[in-house]
PDB file of all heavy atoms in Angstrom:
ATOM      1  N   LEU A   1    -169.469-130.733-146.709  1.00  0.00           N
ATOM      2  CA  LEU A   1    -169.319-131.821-145.749  1.00  0.00           C
ATOM      3  C   LEU A   1    -169.413-133.147-146.486  1.00  0.00           C
ATOM      4  O   LEU A   1    -170.123-133.263-147.489  1.00  0.00           O
ATOM      5  CB  LEU A   1    -170.430-131.766-144.690  1.00  0.00           C
ATOM      6  CG  LEU A   1    -170.450-130.569-143.742  1.00  0.00           C
ATOM      7  CD1 LEU A   1    -171.692-130.639-142.877  1.00  0.00           C
ATOM      8  CD2 LEU A   1    -169.215-130.541-142.871  1.00  0.00           C
ATOM      9  N   THR A   2    -168.692-134.141-145.995  1.00  0.00           N
ATOM     10  CA  THR A   2    -168.875-135.490-146.529  1.00  0.00           C
ATOM     11  C   THR A   2    -170.203-136.021-146.002  1.00  0.00           C
ATOM     12  O   THR A   2    -170.367-136.183-144.794  1.00  0.00           O
ATOM     13  CB  THR A   2    -167.731-136.413-146.081  1.00  0.00           C
ATOM     14  OG1 THR A   2    -166.519-135.976-146.688  1.00  0.00           O
ATOM     15  CG2 THR A   2    -168.007-137.848-146.509  1.00  0.00           C
ATOM     16  N   PRO A   3    -171.185-136.257-146.888  1.00  0.00           N
ATOM     17  CA  PRO A   3    -172.519-136.658-146.409  1.00  0.00           C
ATOM     18  C   PRO A   3    -172.485-138.010-145.703  1.00  0.00           C
ATOM     19  O   PRO A   3    -171.566-138.796-145.877  1.00  0.00           O
ATOM     20  CB  PRO A   3    -173.345-136.737-147.700  1.00  0.00           C
ATOM     21  CG  PRO A   3    -172.556-136.002-148.728  1.00  0.00           C
ATOM     22  CD  PRO A   3    -171.117-136.164-148.345  1.00  0.00           C
ATOM     23  N   ALA A   4    -173.524-138.251-144.931  1.00  0.00           N
ATOM     24  CA  ALA A   4    -173.699-139.537-144.255  1.00  0.00           C
ATOM     25  C   ALA A   4    -174.836-140.273-144.943  1.00  0.00           C
ATOM     26  O   ALA A   4    -176.010-140.075-144.600  1.00  0.00           O
ATOM     27  CB  ALA A   4    -173.997-139.324-142.777  1.00  0.00           C
ATOM     28  N   PRO A   5    -174.544-141.095-145.947  1.00  0.00           N
ATOM     29  CA  PRO A   5    -175.615-141.800-146.669  1.00  0.00           C
ATOM     30  C   PRO A   5    -176.415-142.703-145.743  1.00  0.00           C
ATOM     31  O   PRO A   5    -175.876-143.281-144.802  1.00  0.00           O
ATOM     32  CB  PRO A   5    -174.847-142.625-147.715  1.00  0.00           C
ATOM     33  CG  PRO A   5    -173.510-141.965-147.824  1.00  0.00           C
ATOM     34  CD  PRO A   5    -173.224-141.410-146.469  1.00  0.00           C
ATOM     35  N   LEU A   6    -177.705-142.809-146.000  1.00  0.00           N
ATOM     36  CA  LEU A   6    -178.607-143.683-145.260  1.00  0.00           C
ATOM     37  C   LEU A   6    -178.769-143.268-143.804  1.00  0.00           C
ATOM     38  O   LEU A   6    -179.280-144.025-142.994  1.00  0.00           O
ATOM     39  CB  LEU A   6    -178.123-145.148-145.323  1.00  0.00           C
ATOM     40  CG  LEU A   6    -177.829-145.699-146.715  1.00  0.00           C
ATOM     41  CD1 LEU A   6    -177.217-147.084-146.610  1.00  0.00           C
ATOM     42  CD2 LEU A   6    -179.089-145.743-147.546  1.00  0.00           C
ATOM     43  N   ALA A   7    -178.326-142.052-143.465  1.00  0.00           N
ATOM     44  CA  ALA A   7    -178.388-141.584-142.081  1.00  0.00           C
ATOM     45  C   ALA A   7    -179.602-140.678-141.896  1.00  0.00           C
ATOM     46  O   ALA A   7    -180.198-140.205-142.863  1.00  0.00           O
ATOM     47  CB  ALA A   7    -177.103-140.828-141.726  1.00  0.00           C
ATOM     48  N   PRO A   8    -180.021-140.420-140.632  1.00  0.00           N
ATOM     49  CA  PRO A   8    -181.134-139.500-140.381  1.00  0.00           C
ATOM     50  C   PRO A   8    -180.836-138.105-140.927  1.00  0.00           C
ATOM     51  O   PRO A   8    -179.671-137.736-141.111  1.00  0.00           O
ATOM     52  CB  PRO A   8    -181.234-139.488-138.853  1.00  0.00           C
ATOM     53  CG  PRO A   8    -180.553-140.735-138.402  1.00  0.00           C
ATOM     54  CD  PRO A   8    -179.479-141.009-139.399  1.00  0.00           C
ATOM     55  N   VAL A   9    -181.876-137.326-141.162  1.00  0.00           N
ATOM     56  CA  VAL A   9    -181.709-136.009-141.785  1.00  0.00           C
ATOM     57  C   VAL A   9    -180.894-135.068-140.898  1.00  0.00           C
ATOM     58  O   VAL A   9    -180.282-134.127-141.384  1.00  0.00           O
ATOM     59  CB  VAL A   9    -183.102-135.411-142.104  1.00  0.00           C
ATOM     60  CG1 VAL A   9    -183.860-135.070-140.825  1.00  0.00           C
ATOM     61  CG2 VAL A   9    -182.960-134.182-142.991  1.00  0.00           C
ATOM     62  N   TRP A  10    -180.862-135.330-139.594  1.00  0.00           N
ATOM     63  CA  TRP A  10    -180.113-134.448-138.711  1.00  0.00           C
ATOM     64  C   TRP A  10    -178.622-134.791-138.665  1.00  0.00           C
ATOM     65  O   TRP A  10    -177.841-134.079-138.052  1.00  0.00           O
ATOM     66  CB  TRP A  10    -180.687-134.472-137.290  1.00  0.00           C
ATOM     67  CG  TRP A  10    -181.056-135.813-136.749  1.00  0.00           C
ATOM     68  CD1 TRP A  10    -182.296-136.353-136.694  1.00  0.00           C
ATOM     69  CD2 TRP A  10    -180.178-136.796-136.179  1.00  0.00           C
ATOM     70  NE1 TRP A  10    -182.261-137.612-136.133  1.00  0.00           N
ATOM     71  CE2 TRP A  10    -180.973-137.903-135.806  1.00  0.00           C
ATOM     72  CE3 TRP A  10    -178.809-136.849-135.948  1.00  0.00           C
ATOM     73  CZ2 TRP A  10    -180.438-139.037-135.214  1.00  0.00           C
ATOM     74  CZ3 TRP A  10    -178.276-137.977-135.361  1.00  0.00           C
ATOM     75  CH2 TRP A  10    -179.087-139.054-135.010  1.00  0.00           C
ATOM     76  N   SER A  11    -178.228-135.864-139.314  1.00  0.00           N
ATOM     77  CA  SER A  11    -176.811-136.210-139.414  1.00  0.00           C
ATOM     78  C   SER A  11    -176.279-135.589-140.712  1.00  0.00           C
ATOM     79  O   SER A  11    -176.535-136.085-141.802  1.00  0.00           O
ATOM     80  CB  SER A  11    -176.624-137.727-139.412  1.00  0.00           C
ATOM     81  OG  SER A  11    -175.254-138.070-139.464  1.00  0.00           O
ATOM     82  N   LEU A  12    -175.553-134.466-140.590  1.00  0.00           N
ATOM     83  CA  LEU A  12    -175.166-133.681-141.762  1.00  0.00           C
ATOM     84  C   LEU A  12    -173.959-134.250-142.496  1.00  0.00           C
ATOM     85  O   LEU A  12    -173.724-133.901-143.644  1.00  0.00           O
ATOM     86  CB  LEU A  12    -174.861-132.238-141.350  1.00  0.00           C
ATOM     87  CG  LEU A  12    -176.025-131.449-140.756  1.00  0.00           C
ATOM     88  CD1 LEU A  12    -175.587-130.015-140.459  1.00  0.00           C
ATOM     89  CD2 LEU A  12    -177.225-131.460-141.682  1.00  0.00           C
ATOM     90  N   GLY A  13    -173.169-135.087-141.852  1.00  0.00           N
ATOM     91  CA  GLY A  13    -171.954-135.606-142.474  1.00  0.00           C
ATOM     92  C   GLY A  13    -170.751-135.357-141.582  1.00  0.00           C
ATOM     93  O   GLY A  13    -170.864-135.333-140.358  1.00  0.00           O
ATOM     94  N   ALA A  14    -169.598-135.148-142.217  1.00  0.00           N
ATOM     95  CA  ALA A  14    -168.357-134.966-141.450  1.00  0.00           C
ATOM     96  C   ALA A  14    -167.409-134.079-142.235  1.00  0.00           C
ATOM     97  O   ALA A  14    -167.547-133.904-143.445  1.00  0.00           O
ATOM     98  CB  ALA A  14    -167.715-136.317-141.144  1.00  0.00           C
ATOM     99  N   PHE A  15    -166.437-133.506-141.526  1.00  0.00           N
ATOM    100  CA  PHE A  15    -165.379-132.735-142.166  1.00  0.00           C
ATOM    101  C   PHE A  15    -164.082-132.937-141.393  1.00  0.00           C
ATOM    102  O   PHE A  15    -164.084-133.445-140.266  1.00  0.00           O
ATOM    103  CB  PHE A  15    -165.745-131.249-142.256  1.00  0.00           C
ATOM    104  CG  PHE A  15    -165.738-130.510-140.928  1.00  0.00           C
ATOM    105  CD1 PHE A  15    -164.669-129.706-140.568  1.00  0.00           C
ATOM    106  CD2 PHE A  15    -166.813-130.617-140.049  1.00  0.00           C
ATOM    107  CE1 PHE A  15    -164.657-129.027-139.359  1.00  0.00           C
ATOM    108  CE2 PHE A  15    -166.815-129.943-138.838  1.00  0.00           C
ATOM    109  CZ  PHE A  15    -165.732-129.143-138.491  1.00  0.00           C
ATOM    110  N   MET A  16    -162.977-132.572-142.031  1.00  0.00           N
ATOM    111  CA  MET A  16    -161.670-132.718-141.407  1.00  0.00           C
ATOM    112  C   MET A  16    -161.244-131.395-140.792  1.00  0.00           C
ATOM    113  O   MET A  16    -161.295-130.345-141.450  1.00  0.00           O
ATOM    114  CB  MET A  16    -160.636-133.174-142.438  1.00  0.00           C
ATOM    115  CG  MET A  16    -160.934-134.522-143.078  1.00  0.00           C
ATOM    116  SD  MET A  16    -161.043-135.889-141.897  1.00  0.00           S
ATOM    117  CE  MET A  16    -159.340-135.943-141.300  1.00  0.00           C
ATOM    118  N   LEU A  17    -160.832-131.435-139.541  1.00  0.00           N
ATOM    119  CA  LEU A  17    -160.344-130.258-138.831  1.00  0.00           C
ATOM    120  C   LEU A  17    -158.982-130.610-138.230  1.00  0.00           C
ATOM    121  O   LEU A  17    -158.900-131.403-137.299  1.00  0.00           O
ATOM    122  CB  LEU A  17    -161.320-129.849-137.722  1.00  0.00           C
ATOM    123  CG  LEU A  17    -160.910-128.638-136.866  1.00  0.00           C
ATOM    124  CD1 LEU A  17    -160.886-127.375-137.717  1.00  0.00           C
ATOM    125  CD2 LEU A  17    -161.864-128.469-135.681  1.00  0.00           C
ATOM    126  N   ARG A  18    -157.936-130.045-138.828  1.00  0.00           N
ATOM    127  CA  ARG A  18    -156.565-130.314-138.370  1.00  0.00           C
ATOM    128  C   ARG A  18    -156.303-131.823-138.272  1.00  0.00           C
ATOM    129  O   ARG A  18    -155.920-132.341-137.219  1.00  0.00           O
ATOM    130  CB  ARG A  18    -156.299-129.611-137.042  1.00  0.00           C
ATOM    131  CG  ARG A  18    -156.336-128.089-137.140  1.00  0.00           C
ATOM    132  CD  ARG A  18    -155.869-127.447-135.843  1.00  0.00           C
ATOM    133  NE  ARG A  18    -156.781-127.721-134.744  1.00  0.00           N
ATOM    134  CZ  ARG A  18    -157.845-126.974-134.446  1.00  0.00           C
ATOM    135  NH1 ARG A  18    -158.128-125.919-135.178  1.00  0.00           N
ATOM    136  NH2 ARG A  18    -158.614-127.274-133.435  1.00  0.00           N
ATOM    137  N   ASP A  19    -156.544-132.520-139.378  1.00  0.00           N
ATOM    138  CA  ASP A  19    -156.292-133.956-139.482  1.00  0.00           C
ATOM    139  C   ASP A  19    -157.169-134.804-138.565  1.00  0.00           C
ATOM    140  O   ASP A  19    -156.884-135.967-138.310  1.00  0.00           O
ATOM    141  CB  ASP A  19    -154.817-134.280-139.201  1.00  0.00           C
ATOM    142  CG  ASP A  19    -153.890-133.681-140.248  1.00  0.00           C
ATOM    143  OD1 ASP A  19    -154.325-133.573-141.411  1.00  0.00           O
ATOM    144  OD2 ASP A  19    -152.757-133.320-139.898  1.00  0.00           O
ATOM    145  N   GLU A  20    -158.252-134.219-138.067  1.00  0.00           N
ATOM    146  CA  GLU A  20    -159.174-134.954-137.208  1.00  0.00           C
ATOM    147  C   GLU A  20    -160.560-134.919-137.840  1.00  0.00           C
ATOM    148  O   GLU A  20    -161.015-133.864-138.310  1.00  0.00           O
ATOM    149  CB  GLU A  20    -159.211-134.318-135.817  1.00  0.00           C
ATOM    150  CG  GLU A  20    -160.106-135.036-134.836  1.00  0.00           C
ATOM    151  CD  GLU A  20    -160.076-134.349-133.470  1.00  0.00           C
ATOM    152  OE1 GLU A  20    -159.820-133.133-133.411  1.00  0.00           O
ATOM    153  OE2 GLU A  20    -160.318-135.036-132.478  1.00  0.00           O
ATOM    154  N   MET A  21    -161.228-136.055-137.885  1.00  0.00           N
ATOM    155  CA  MET A  21    -162.552-136.131-138.478  1.00  0.00           C
ATOM    156  C   MET A  21    -163.613-135.712-137.472  1.00  0.00           C
ATOM    157  O   MET A  21    -163.638-136.204-136.343  1.00  0.00           O
ATOM    158  CB  MET A  21    -162.839-137.539-138.974  1.00  0.00           C
ATOM    159  CG  MET A  21    -164.122-137.646-139.757  1.00  0.00           C
ATOM    160  SD  MET A  21    -164.472-139.351-140.181  1.00  0.00           S
ATOM    161  CE  MET A  21    -164.784-140.033-138.546  1.00  0.00           C
ATOM    162  N   ILE A  22    -164.501-134.781-137.888  1.00  0.00           N
ATOM    163  CA  ILE A  22    -165.546-134.276-137.011  1.00  0.00           C
ATOM    164  C   ILE A  22    -166.911-134.607-137.614  1.00  0.00           C
ATOM    165  O   ILE A  22    -167.329-133.996-138.596  1.00  0.00           O
ATOM    166  CB  ILE A  22    -165.430-132.748-136.810  1.00  0.00           C
ATOM    167  CG1 ILE A  22    -164.014-132.346-136.375  1.00  0.00           C
ATOM    168  CG2 ILE A  22    -166.480-132.274-135.807  1.00  0.00           C
ATOM    169  CD1 ILE A  22    -163.618-132.847-135.018  1.00  0.00           C
ATOM    170  N   PRO A  23    -167.664-135.585-137.050  1.00  0.00           N
ATOM    171  CA  PRO A  23    -169.054-135.803-137.478  1.00  0.00           C
ATOM    172  C   PRO A  23    -169.908-134.638-136.994  1.00  0.00           C
ATOM    173  O   PRO A  23    -169.686-134.106-135.895  1.00  0.00           O
ATOM    174  CB  PRO A  23    -169.438-137.106-136.786  1.00  0.00           C
ATOM    175  CG  PRO A  23    -168.160-137.683-136.239  1.00  0.00           C
ATOM    176  CD  PRO A  23    -167.234-136.538-136.021  1.00  0.00           C
ATOM    177  N   VAL A  24    -170.897-134.233-137.798  1.00  0.00           N
ATOM    178  CA  VAL A  24    -171.696-133.052-137.463  1.00  0.00           C
ATOM    179  C   VAL A  24    -173.169-133.430-137.326  1.00  0.00           C
ATOM    180  O   VAL A  24    -173.741-134.083-138.199  1.00  0.00           O
ATOM    181  CB  VAL A  24    -171.540-131.948-138.529  1.00  0.00           C
ATOM    182  CG1 VAL A  24    -172.365-130.717-138.139  1.00  0.00           C
ATOM    183  CG2 VAL A  24    -170.073-131.558-138.684  1.00  0.00           C
ATOM    184  N   ILE A  25    -173.784-132.992-136.219  1.00  0.00           N
ATOM    185  CA  ILE A  25    -175.205-133.195-135.940  1.00  0.00           C
ATOM    186  C   ILE A  25    -175.904-131.845-136.005  1.00  0.00           C
ATOM    187  O   ILE A  25    -175.401-130.845-135.474  1.00  0.00           O
ATOM    188  CB  ILE A  25    -175.404-133.826-134.550  1.00  0.00           C
ATOM    189  CG1 ILE A  25    -174.859-135.254-134.538  1.00  0.00           C
ATOM    190  CG2 ILE A  25    -176.873-133.811-134.135  1.00  0.00           C
ATOM    191  CD1 ILE A  25    -174.842-135.876-133.156  1.00  0.00           C
ATOM    192  N   ASP A  26    -177.052-131.801-136.663  1.00  0.00           N
ATOM    193  CA  ASP A  26    -177.870-130.594-136.708  1.00  0.00           C
ATOM    194  C   ASP A  26    -178.836-130.639-135.527  1.00  0.00           C
ATOM    195  O   ASP A  26    -179.843-131.358-135.550  1.00  0.00           O
ATOM    196  CB  ASP A  26    -178.630-130.521-138.034  1.00  0.00           C
ATOM    197  CG  ASP A  26    -179.256-129.148-138.256  1.00  0.00           C
ATOM    198  OD1 ASP A  26    -179.777-128.583-137.275  1.00  0.00           O
ATOM    199  OD2 ASP A  26    -179.206-128.656-139.398  1.00  0.00           O
ATOM    200  N   LEU A  27    -178.535-129.869-134.479  1.00  0.00           N
ATOM    201  CA  LEU A  27    -179.344-129.920-133.262  1.00  0.00           C
ATOM    202  C   LEU A  27    -180.777-129.473-133.513  1.00  0.00           C
ATOM    203  O   LEU A  27    -181.720-130.019-132.933  1.00  0.00           O
ATOM    204  CB  LEU A  27    -178.710-129.048-132.177  1.00  0.00           C
ATOM    205  CG  LEU A  27    -177.618-129.689-131.319  1.00  0.00           C
ATOM    206  CD1 LEU A  27    -177.145-128.698-130.273  1.00  0.00           C
ATOM    207  CD2 LEU A  27    -178.133-130.951-130.648  1.00  0.00           C
ATOM    208  N   ALA A  28    -180.958-128.469-134.373  1.00  0.00           N
ATOM    209  CA  ALA A  28    -182.307-127.966-134.622  1.00  0.00           C
ATOM    210  C   ALA A  28    -183.193-129.056-135.216  1.00  0.00           C
ATOM    211  O   ALA A  28    -184.355-129.208-134.845  1.00  0.00           O
ATOM    212  CB  ALA A  28    -182.249-126.750-135.547  1.00  0.00           C
ATOM    213  N   ARG A  29    -182.651-129.841-136.131  1.00  0.00           N
ATOM    214  CA  ARG A  29    -183.426-130.921-136.734  1.00  0.00           C
ATOM    215  C   ARG A  29    -183.606-132.081-135.760  1.00  0.00           C
ATOM    216  O   ARG A  29    -184.668-132.705-135.706  1.00  0.00           O
ATOM    217  CB  ARG A  29    -182.746-131.404-138.008  1.00  0.00           C
ATOM    218  CG  ARG A  29    -182.752-130.367-139.121  1.00  0.00           C
ATOM    219  CD  ARG A  29    -181.997-130.851-140.343  1.00  0.00           C
ATOM    220  NE  ARG A  29    -181.988-129.839-141.401  1.00  0.00           N
ATOM    221  CZ  ARG A  29    -181.293-129.940-142.535  1.00  0.00           C
ATOM    222  NH1 ARG A  29    -180.556-131.026-142.752  1.00  0.00           N
ATOM    223  NH2 ARG A  29    -181.345-128.980-143.430  1.00  0.00           N
ATOM    224  N   LEU A  30    -182.576-132.361-134.982  1.00  0.00           N
ATOM    225  CA  LEU A  30    -182.662-133.455-134.022  1.00  0.00           C
ATOM    226  C   LEU A  30    -183.749-133.197-132.988  1.00  0.00           C
ATOM    227  O   LEU A  30    -184.517-134.092-132.624  1.00  0.00           O
ATOM    228  CB  LEU A  30    -181.304-133.641-133.329  1.00  0.00           C
ATOM    229  CG  LEU A  30    -181.248-134.659-132.200  1.00  0.00           C
ATOM    230  CD1 LEU A  30    -181.506-136.061-132.727  1.00  0.00           C
ATOM    231  CD2 LEU A  30    -179.896-134.610-131.499  1.00  0.00           C
ATOM    232  N   LEU A  31    -183.839-131.930-132.514  1.00  0.00           N
ATOM    233  CA  LEU A  31    -184.822-131.573-131.491  1.00  0.00           C
ATOM    234  C   LEU A  31    -186.150-131.144-132.098  1.00  0.00           C
ATOM    235  O   LEU A  31    -187.007-130.603-131.400  1.00  0.00           O
ATOM    236  CB  LEU A  31    -184.256-130.457-130.610  1.00  0.00           C
ATOM    237  CG  LEU A  31    -182.974-130.809-129.852  1.00  0.00           C
ATOM    238  CD1 LEU A  31    -182.441-129.606-129.097  1.00  0.00           C
ATOM    239  CD2 LEU A  31    -183.210-131.976-128.912  1.00  0.00           C
ATOM    240  N   GLN A  32    -186.285-131.347-133.429  1.00  0.00           N
ATOM    241  CA  GLN A  32    -187.517-131.046-134.158  1.00  0.00           C
ATOM    242  C   GLN A  32    -187.900-129.578-134.064  1.00  0.00           C
ATOM    243  O   GLN A  32    -189.078-129.206-134.020  1.00  0.00           O
ATOM    244  CB  GLN A  32    -188.660-131.932-133.649  1.00  0.00           C
ATOM    245  CG  GLN A  32    -188.375-133.423-133.831  1.00  0.00           C
ATOM    246  CD  GLN A  32    -189.478-134.319-133.312  1.00  0.00           C
ATOM    247  OE1 GLN A  32    -190.382-133.877-132.623  1.00  0.00           O
ATOM    248  NE2 GLN A  32    -189.400-135.593-133.635  1.00  0.00           N
ATOM    249  N   LEU A  33    -186.881-128.710-134.053  1.00  0.00           N
ATOM    250  CA  LEU A  33    -187.099-127.273-134.104  1.00  0.00           C
ATOM    251  C   LEU A  33    -187.031-126.754-135.524  1.00  0.00           C
ATOM    252  O   LEU A  33    -187.311-125.587-135.781  1.00  0.00           O
ATOM    253  CB  LEU A  33    -186.040-126.547-133.247  1.00  0.00           C
ATOM    254  CG  LEU A  33    -186.003-126.951-131.769  1.00  0.00           C
ATOM    255  CD1 LEU A  33    -184.818-126.296-131.076  1.00  0.00           C
ATOM    256  CD2 LEU A  33    -187.316-126.565-131.086  1.00  0.00           C
ATOM    257  N   ASP A  34    -186.629-127.628-136.463  1.00  0.00           N
ATOM    258  CA  ASP A  34    -186.499-127.263-137.862  1.00  0.00           C
ATOM    259  C   ASP A  34    -186.820-128.510-138.679  1.00  0.00           C
ATOM    260  O   ASP A  34    -186.242-129.573-138.455  1.00  0.00           O
ATOM    261  CB  ASP A  34    -185.061-126.785-138.142  1.00  0.00           C
ATOM    262  CG  ASP A  34    -184.864-126.320-139.572  1.00  0.00           C
ATOM    263  OD1 ASP A  34    -185.747-126.587-140.416  1.00  0.00           O
ATOM    264  OD2 ASP A  34    -183.821-125.705-139.857  1.00  0.00           O
ATOM    265  N   ASP A  35    -187.773-128.387-139.608  1.00  0.00           N
ATOM    266  CA  ASP A  35    -188.147-129.542-140.420  1.00  0.00           C
ATOM    267  C   ASP A  35    -187.496-129.524-141.790  1.00  0.00           C
ATOM    268  O   ASP A  35    -187.912-130.241-142.705  1.00  0.00           O
ATOM    269  CB  ASP A  35    -189.673-129.616-140.586  1.00  0.00           C
ATOM    270  CG  ASP A  35    -190.250-128.350-141.225  1.00  0.00           C
ATOM    271  OD1 ASP A  35    -189.461-127.440-141.557  1.00  0.00           O
ATOM    272  OD2 ASP A  35    -191.485-128.282-141.379  1.00  0.00           O
ATOM    273  N   GLY A  36    -186.426-128.731-141.981  1.00  0.00           N
ATOM    274  CA  GLY A  36    -185.719-128.678-143.250  1.00  0.00           C
ATOM    275  C   GLY A  36    -184.948-129.965-143.518  1.00  0.00           C
ATOM    276  O   GLY A  36    -184.622-130.724-142.600  1.00  0.00           O
ATOM    277  N   THR A  37    -184.668-130.207-144.801  1.00  0.00           N
ATOM    278  CA  THR A  37    -183.933-131.421-145.190  1.00  0.00           C
ATOM    279  C   THR A  37    -182.752-131.118-146.101  1.00  0.00           C
ATOM    280  O   THR A  37    -181.987-132.019-146.423  1.00  0.00           O
ATOM    281  CB  THR A  37    -184.865-132.406-145.927  1.00  0.00           C
ATOM    282  OG1 THR A  37    -185.399-131.761-147.092  1.00  0.00           O
ATOM    283  CG2 THR A  37    -185.996-132.856-145.013  1.00  0.00           C
ATOM    284  N   GLY A  38    -182.592-129.888-146.532  1.00  0.00           N
ATOM    285  CA  GLY A  38    -181.531-129.557-147.486  1.00  0.00           C
ATOM    286  C   GLY A  38    -180.204-129.294-146.814  1.00  0.00           C
ATOM    287  O   GLY A  38    -180.024-129.497-145.605  1.00  0.00           O
ATOM    288  N   THR A  39    -179.232-128.830-147.611  1.00  0.00           N
ATOM    289  CA  THR A  39    -177.925-128.494-147.069  1.00  0.00           C
ATOM    290  C   THR A  39    -178.013-127.211-146.261  1.00  0.00           C
ATOM    291  O   THR A  39    -178.915-126.383-146.463  1.00  0.00           O
ATOM    292  CB  THR A  39    -176.904-128.311-148.199  1.00  0.00           C
ATOM    293  OG1 THR A  39    -177.377-127.291-149.089  1.00  0.00           O
ATOM    294  CG2 THR A  39    -176.719-129.604-148.972  1.00  0.00           C
ATOM    295  N   ARG A  40    -177.092-127.014-145.354  1.00  0.00           N
ATOM    296  CA  ARG A  40    -177.076-125.835-144.508  1.00  0.00           C
ATOM    297  C   ARG A  40    -176.358-124.684-145.201  1.00  0.00           C
ATOM    298  O   ARG A  40    -175.496-124.890-146.061  1.00  0.00           O
ATOM    299  CB  ARG A  40    -176.403-126.145-143.172  1.00  0.00           C
ATOM    300  CG  ARG A  40    -177.304-126.935-142.225  1.00  0.00           C
ATOM    301  CD  ARG A  40    -178.568-126.156-141.921  1.00  0.00           C
ATOM    302  NE  ARG A  40    -179.403-126.812-140.907  1.00  0.00           N
ATOM    303  CZ  ARG A  40    -180.575-126.346-140.515  1.00  0.00           C
ATOM    304  NH1 ARG A  40    -181.070-125.249-141.068  1.00  0.00           N
ATOM    305  NH2 ARG A  40    -181.262-126.981-139.604  1.00  0.00           N
ATOM    306  N   ASN A  41    -176.712-123.454-144.808  1.00  0.00           N
ATOM    307  CA  ASN A  41    -176.109-122.275-145.413  1.00  0.00           C
ATOM    308  C   ASN A  41    -174.695-122.069-144.915  1.00  0.00           C
ATOM    309  O   ASN A  41    -174.353-122.409-143.782  1.00  0.00           O
ATOM    310  CB  ASN A  41    -176.941-121.027-145.086  1.00  0.00           C
ATOM    311  CG  ASN A  41    -178.336-121.099-145.675  1.00  0.00           C
ATOM    312  OD1 ASN A  41    -178.520-121.648-146.757  1.00  0.00           O
ATOM    313  ND2 ASN A  41    -179.306-120.549-144.959  1.00  0.00           N
ATOM    314  N   ALA A  42    -173.870-121.488-145.796  1.00  0.00           N
ATOM    315  CA  ALA A  42    -172.520-121.115-145.373  1.00  0.00           C
ATOM    316  C   ALA A  42    -172.631-120.046-144.293  1.00  0.00           C
ATOM    317  O   ALA A  42    -173.533-119.209-144.312  1.00  0.00           O
ATOM    318  CB  ALA A  42    -171.728-120.608-146.568  1.00  0.00           C
ATOM    319  N   GLY A  43    -171.726-120.037-143.364  1.00  0.00           N
ATOM    320  CA  GLY A  43    -171.748-119.059-142.290  1.00  0.00           C
ATOM    321  C   GLY A  43    -172.272-119.618-140.992  1.00  0.00           C
ATOM    322  O   GLY A  43    -172.182-118.968-139.945  1.00  0.00           O
TER     323      GLY A  43
END
């Protein structure tokens, strides 16, 4: 994913899907169900 510099840890970045940019939010981190800070696993 293209990272989101200076953004909250739950803002994972963005990717392109059929020529459309999709920003990605990690709901688990946003709702404080996960205190991880690293990259997400494939799958």
